[in-house]
Amino acid sequence: MILKILNTSNPQSIYILHPINQQMDLKYHFIVSSILTIILFPFFHWWALLAMVGGFLIDADHYLWWIIVKRNFSVKKAHHHFRKVYKGNKGVTLIFHCVEFWIFKLVVAFFFPILIPLVAGLYVHVGMDLYYYFKHRKTHPNPVAYSLIHKHIIKRFFMKTKEAVKKKK
């Protein structure tokens, strides 16, 4: 963590501790999801708590990936991995952060309007992740939001095509 000490007279400020290379902190997702829940409560009553599920518990896919890939149930190790080791690596598949999941939830909420708080929480969460990504894109190379179709089907097809072209040469 590096903090930026601003010196208005010198444009080349000294950087000491500024949260570069870190993931969006869970506490911000919790705070914003709580505020969203309070805003939605008059309209959806207790169903507004689904905004917490969509806005905060969506990050359970990080732990789910940890369990499946690392074959380890340690929440502490998973948290450490995503806070200290993970730097936006391409090898992580977060199913709740993909565009297909957002579209699916939006369609389901159209037929079941009671799920609107869930979708609102989801979109606020992803919006915060994308804001963080664009703010730190020089040090955080890959967005957290992506398409499973693009990642697992299209890219693999083009990789195979590129390899075939290289072999022909």
C-alpha atoms as a PDB file:
ATOM      1  CA  MET A   1       0.000   0.000   0.000  1.00  0.00           C
ATOM      2  CA  ILE A   2       1.413   3.383  -1.006  1.00  0.00           C
ATOM      3  CA  LEU A   3       0.227   6.805   0.243  1.00  0.00           C
ATOM      4  CA  LYS A   4       0.604   9.764  -2.042  1.00  0.00           C
ATOM      5  CA  ILE A   5       2.004  12.835  -0.360  1.00  0.00           C
ATOM      6  CA  LEU A   6       0.853  15.804  -2.380  1.00  0.00           C
ATOM      7  CA  ASN A   7       3.085  18.776  -2.783  1.00  0.00           C
ATOM      8  CA  THR A   8       1.192  21.489  -4.677  1.00  0.00           C
ATOM      9  CA  SER A   9       4.376  23.371  -5.541  1.00  0.00           C
ATOM     10  CA  ASN A  10       6.032  20.272  -6.977  1.00  0.00           C
ATOM     11  CA  PRO A  11       4.115  18.322  -9.654  1.00  0.00           C
ATOM     12  CA  GLN A  12       6.325  15.292  -8.999  1.00  0.00           C
ATOM     13  CA  SER A  13       4.784  14.326  -5.664  1.00  0.00           C
ATOM     14  CA  ILE A  14       6.287  11.675  -3.446  1.00  0.00           C
ATOM     15  CA  TYR A  15       4.365   8.392  -3.339  1.00  0.00           C
ATOM     16  CA  ILE A  16       4.450   6.580  -0.031  1.00  0.00           C
ATOM     17  CA  LEU A  17       1.208   4.702   0.645  1.00  0.00           C
ATOM     18  CA  HIS A  18      -1.520   4.634  -1.987  1.00  0.00           C
ATOM     19  CA  PRO A  19      -3.795   1.605  -2.491  1.00  0.00           C
ATOM     20  CA  ILE A  20      -2.534   0.688  -5.944  1.00  0.00           C
ATOM     21  CA  ASN A  21      -2.303  -3.083  -6.753  1.00  0.00           C
ATOM     22  CA  GLN A  22      -5.070  -3.939  -4.292  1.00  0.00           C
ATOM     23  CA  GLN A  23      -8.515  -5.297  -4.953  1.00  0.00           C
ATOM     24  CA  MET A  24     -11.671  -3.412  -4.151  1.00  0.00           C
ATOM     25  CA  ASP A  25     -12.053  -3.769  -0.389  1.00  0.00           C
ATOM     26  CA  LEU A  26     -15.046  -5.778   0.837  1.00  0.00           C
ATOM     27  CA  LYS A  27     -15.936  -3.123   3.404  1.00  0.00           C
ATOM     28  CA  TYR A  28     -16.790  -0.656   0.603  1.00  0.00           C
ATOM     29  CA  HIS A  29     -19.083  -3.207  -1.031  1.00  0.00           C
ATOM     30  CA  PHE A  30     -20.712  -3.814   2.362  1.00  0.00           C
ATOM     31  CA  ILE A  31     -21.211  -0.098   3.080  1.00  0.00           C
ATOM     32  CA  VAL A  32     -22.639   0.733  -0.354  1.00  0.00           C
ATOM     33  CA  SER A  33     -24.859  -2.373  -0.335  1.00  0.00           C
ATOM     34  CA  SER A  34     -26.157  -1.404   3.114  1.00  0.00           C
ATOM     35  CA  ILE A  35     -27.016   2.090   1.876  1.00  0.00           C
ATOM     36  CA  LEU A  36     -28.749   0.614  -1.177  1.00  0.00           C
ATOM     37  CA  THR A  37     -30.716  -1.738   1.086  1.00  0.00           C
ATOM     38  CA  ILE A  38     -31.891   1.206   3.209  1.00  0.00           C
ATOM     39  CA  ILE A  39     -32.910   3.161   0.087  1.00  0.00           C
ATOM     40  CA  LEU A  40     -34.849   0.191  -1.338  1.00  0.00           C
ATOM     41  CA  PHE A  41     -36.502  -0.803   1.965  1.00  0.00           C
ATOM     42  CA  PRO A  42     -39.573   1.504   1.643  1.00  0.00           C
ATOM     43  CA  PHE A  43     -40.334  -0.031  -1.759  1.00  0.00           C
ATOM     44  CA  PHE A  44     -39.449  -3.706  -1.241  1.00  0.00           C
ATOM     45  CA  HIS A  45     -39.623  -4.057   2.556  1.00  0.00           C
ATOM     46  CA  TRP A  46     -37.586  -7.050   3.770  1.00  0.00           C
ATOM     47  CA  TRP A  47     -36.929  -8.143   0.203  1.00  0.00           C
ATOM     48  CA  ALA A  48     -34.585  -5.131   0.033  1.00  0.00           C
ATOM     49  CA  LEU A  49     -32.084  -7.313   1.903  1.00  0.00           C
ATOM     50  CA  LEU A  50     -31.496  -9.031  -1.430  1.00  0.00           C
ATOM     51  CA  ALA A  51     -29.462  -5.935  -2.333  1.00  0.00           C
ATOM     52  CA  MET A  52     -26.938  -7.154   0.244  1.00  0.00           C
ATOM     53  CA  VAL A  53     -26.827 -10.543  -1.484  1.00  0.00           C
ATOM     54  CA  GLY A  54     -26.318  -8.949  -4.896  1.00  0.00           C
ATOM     55  CA  GLY A  55     -23.943  -6.261  -3.705  1.00  0.00           C
ATOM     56  CA  PHE A  56     -21.847  -7.994  -1.079  1.00  0.00           C
ATOM     57  CA  LEU A  57     -22.251 -11.759  -1.157  1.00  0.00           C
ATOM     58  CA  ILE A  58     -21.647 -11.835  -4.918  1.00  0.00           C
ATOM     59  CA  ASP A  59     -17.956 -12.030  -4.030  1.00  0.00           C
ATOM     60  CA  ALA A  60     -18.570 -15.584  -2.857  1.00  0.00           C
ATOM     61  CA  ASP A  61     -17.505 -16.580  -6.368  1.00  0.00           C
ATOM     62  CA  HIS A  62     -13.938 -15.674  -5.403  1.00  0.00           C
ATOM     63  CA  TYR A  63     -14.095 -18.269  -2.621  1.00  0.00           C
ATOM     64  CA  LEU A  64     -15.878 -20.740  -4.892  1.00  0.00           C
ATOM     65  CA  TRP A  65     -13.035 -20.409  -7.423  1.00  0.00           C
ATOM     66  CA  TRP A  66     -10.519 -20.899  -4.584  1.00  0.00           C
ATOM     67  CA  ILE A  67     -12.221 -24.120  -3.469  1.00  0.00           C
ATOM     68  CA  ILE A  68     -12.492 -25.561  -6.986  1.00  0.00           C
ATOM     69  CA  VAL A  69      -9.052 -24.622  -8.303  1.00  0.00           C
ATOM     70  CA  LYS A  70      -6.893 -24.709  -5.183  1.00  0.00           C
ATOM     71  CA  ARG A  71      -8.870 -27.525  -3.513  1.00  0.00           C
ATOM     72  CA  ASN A  72      -8.606 -25.716  -0.215  1.00  0.00           C
ATOM     73  CA  PHE A  73     -11.452 -24.660   2.099  1.00  0.00           C
ATOM     74  CA  SER A  74      -9.445 -22.099   4.073  1.00  0.00           C
ATOM     75  CA  VAL A  75     -11.300 -18.776   3.987  1.00  0.00           C
ATOM     76  CA  LYS A  76      -8.223 -17.100   5.465  1.00  0.00           C
ATOM     77  CA  LYS A  77      -5.919 -18.379   2.690  1.00  0.00           C
ATOM     78  CA  ALA A  78      -8.453 -17.479   0.000  1.00  0.00           C
ATOM     79  CA  HIS A  79      -8.801 -13.970   1.416  1.00  0.00           C
ATOM     80  CA  HIS A  80      -5.021 -13.597   1.545  1.00  0.00           C
ATOM     81  CA  HIS A  81      -4.703 -14.801  -2.043  1.00  0.00           C
ATOM     82  CA  PHE A  82      -7.201 -12.290  -3.423  1.00  0.00           C
ATOM     83  CA  ARG A  83      -5.889  -9.405  -1.295  1.00  0.00           C
ATOM     84  CA  LYS A  84      -2.141  -9.909  -1.680  1.00  0.00           C
ATOM     85  CA  VAL A  85      -1.341 -12.348  -4.502  1.00  0.00           C
ATOM     86  CA  TYR A  86      -4.058 -11.872  -7.122  1.00  0.00           C
ATOM     87  CA  LYS A  87      -3.348  -8.891  -9.377  1.00  0.00           C
ATOM     88  CA  GLY A  88      -6.119  -9.244 -11.927  1.00  0.00           C
ATOM     89  CA  ASN A  89      -4.729 -12.471 -13.368  1.00  0.00           C
ATOM     90  CA  LYS A  90      -6.486 -13.862 -16.403  1.00  0.00           C
ATOM     91  CA  GLY A  91      -6.670 -17.376 -14.970  1.00  0.00           C
ATOM     92  CA  VAL A  92      -9.483 -16.641 -12.515  1.00  0.00           C
ATOM     93  CA  THR A  93     -13.085 -17.324 -13.529  1.00  0.00           C
ATOM     94  CA  LEU A  94     -15.589 -15.482 -11.350  1.00  0.00           C
ATOM     95  CA  ILE A  95     -19.000 -16.701 -12.468  1.00  0.00           C
ATOM     96  CA  PHE A  96     -21.017 -14.022 -10.643  1.00  0.00           C
ATOM     97  CA  HIS A  97     -18.939 -11.242 -12.212  1.00  0.00           C
ATOM     98  CA  CYS A  98     -19.595 -12.242 -15.822  1.00  0.00           C
ATOM     99  CA  VAL A  99     -21.885 -10.443 -18.257  1.00  0.00           C
ATOM    100  CA  GLU A 100     -23.938 -13.586 -18.896  1.00  0.00           C
ATOM    101  CA  PHE A 101     -24.850 -13.801 -15.204  1.00  0.00           C
ATOM    102  CA  TRP A 102     -25.918 -10.133 -15.176  1.00  0.00           C
ATOM    103  CA  ILE A 103     -28.141 -10.651 -18.219  1.00  0.00           C
ATOM    104  CA  PHE A 104     -29.636 -13.819 -16.719  1.00  0.00           C
ATOM    105  CA  LYS A 105     -30.447 -12.018 -13.448  1.00  0.00           C
ATOM    106  CA  LEU A 106     -31.951  -9.068 -15.324  1.00  0.00           C
ATOM    107  CA  VAL A 107     -34.242 -11.402 -17.295  1.00  0.00           C
ATOM    108  CA  VAL A 108     -35.255 -13.280 -14.124  1.00  0.00           C
ATOM    109  CA  ALA A 109     -36.003  -9.967 -12.353  1.00  0.00           C
ATOM    110  CA  PHE A 110     -38.214  -8.965 -15.286  1.00  0.00           C
ATOM    111  CA  PHE A 111     -40.414 -12.002 -14.599  1.00  0.00           C
ATOM    112  CA  PHE A 112     -40.020 -11.831 -10.801  1.00  0.00           C
ATOM    113  CA  PRO A 113     -39.901  -8.108  -9.884  1.00  0.00           C
ATOM    114  CA  ILE A 114     -39.299  -8.942  -6.227  1.00  0.00           C
ATOM    115  CA  LEU A 115     -35.713  -9.745  -7.296  1.00  0.00           C
ATOM    116  CA  ILE A 116     -35.032  -6.165  -8.435  1.00  0.00           C
ATOM    117  CA  PRO A 117     -33.055  -5.414  -5.221  1.00  0.00           C
ATOM    118  CA  LEU A 118     -30.797  -8.403  -5.987  1.00  0.00           C
ATOM    119  CA  VAL A 119     -30.105  -7.086  -9.485  1.00  0.00           C
ATOM    120  CA  ALA A 120     -29.624  -3.538  -8.193  1.00  0.00           C
ATOM    121  CA  GLY A 121     -27.057  -4.786  -5.672  1.00  0.00           C
ATOM    122  CA  LEU A 122     -25.323  -6.818  -8.370  1.00  0.00           C
ATOM    123  CA  TYR A 123     -25.069  -3.847 -10.734  1.00  0.00           C
ATOM    124  CA  VAL A 124     -23.851  -1.516  -7.993  1.00  0.00           C
ATOM    125  CA  HIS A 125     -21.200  -4.068  -7.009  1.00  0.00           C
ATOM    126  CA  VAL A 126     -19.985  -4.548 -10.570  1.00  0.00           C
ATOM    127  CA  GLY A 127     -20.101  -0.793 -11.135  1.00  0.00           C
ATOM    128  CA  MET A 128     -17.818  -0.305  -8.148  1.00  0.00           C
ATOM    129  CA  ASP A 129     -15.458  -3.008  -9.437  1.00  0.00           C
ATOM    130  CA  LEU A 130     -15.342  -1.429 -12.889  1.00  0.00           C
ATOM    131  CA  TYR A 131     -14.767   2.049 -11.416  1.00  0.00           C
ATOM    132  CA  TYR A 132     -11.866   0.622  -9.430  1.00  0.00           C
ATOM    133  CA  TYR A 133     -10.512  -1.112 -12.519  1.00  0.00           C
ATOM    134  CA  PHE A 134     -10.588   2.023 -14.677  1.00  0.00           C
ATOM    135  CA  LYS A 135      -9.120   4.109 -11.878  1.00  0.00           C
ATOM    136  CA  HIS A 136      -6.187   1.677 -11.456  1.00  0.00           C
ATOM    137  CA  ARG A 137      -5.942   0.161 -14.932  1.00  0.00           C
ATOM    138  CA  LYS A 138      -2.216   0.866 -15.238  1.00  0.00           C
ATOM    139  CA  THR A 139      -1.493  -1.263 -12.180  1.00  0.00           C
ATOM    140  CA  HIS A 140      -4.490  -3.609 -12.309  1.00  0.00           C
ATOM    141  CA  PRO A 141      -4.368  -5.027 -15.850  1.00  0.00           C
ATOM    142  CA  ASN A 142      -7.549  -7.102 -16.108  1.00  0.00           C
ATOM    143  CA  PRO A 143     -11.119  -6.119 -15.340  1.00  0.00           C
ATOM    144  CA  VAL A 144     -13.004  -8.191 -12.812  1.00  0.00           C
ATOM    145  CA  ALA A 145     -16.044  -8.192 -15.074  1.00  0.00           C
ATOM    146  CA  TYR A 146     -15.865 -10.207 -18.257  1.00  0.00           C
ATOM    147  CA  SER A 147     -17.727 -12.582 -20.529  1.00  0.00           C
ATOM    148  CA  LEU A 148     -17.488 -16.335 -20.054  1.00  0.00           C
ATOM    149  CA  ILE A 149     -18.341 -16.831 -23.726  1.00  0.00           C
ATOM    150  CA  HIS A 150     -15.490 -14.550 -24.747  1.00  0.00           C
ATOM    151  CA  LYS A 151     -13.045 -16.046 -22.273  1.00  0.00           C
ATOM    152  CA  HIS A 152     -13.685 -19.748 -22.813  1.00  0.00           C
ATOM    153  CA  ILE A 153     -15.038 -20.073 -26.337  1.00  0.00           C
ATOM    154  CA  ILE A 154     -14.024 -17.190 -28.580  1.00  0.00           C
ATOM    155  CA  LYS A 155     -10.490 -16.729 -27.228  1.00  0.00           C
ATOM    156  CA  ARG A 156      -9.775 -20.470 -27.399  1.00  0.00           C
ATOM    157  CA  PHE A 157     -11.062 -20.615 -30.971  1.00  0.00           C
ATOM    158  CA  PHE A 158      -8.819 -17.725 -32.007  1.00  0.00           C
ATOM    159  CA  MET A 159      -5.851 -19.172 -30.132  1.00  0.00           C
ATOM    160  CA  LYS A 160      -6.279 -22.463 -32.007  1.00  0.00           C
ATOM    161  CA  THR A 161      -6.595 -20.544 -35.277  1.00  0.00           C
ATOM    162  CA  LYS A 162      -3.397 -18.569 -34.564  1.00  0.00           C
ATOM    163  CA  GLU A 163      -1.537 -21.790 -33.701  1.00  0.00           C
ATOM    164  CA  ALA A 164      -2.713 -23.416 -36.926  1.00  0.00           C
ATOM    165  CA  VAL A 165      -1.524 -20.418 -38.952  1.00  0.00           C
ATOM    166  CA  LYS A 166       1.894 -20.522 -37.218  1.00  0.00           C
ATOM    167  CA  LYS A 167       2.249 -24.260 -37.980  1.00  0.00           C
ATOM    168  CA  LYS A 168       1.472 -23.672 -41.675  1.00  0.00           C
ATOM    169  CA  LYS A 169       4.283 -21.113 -41.910  1.00  0.00           C
END
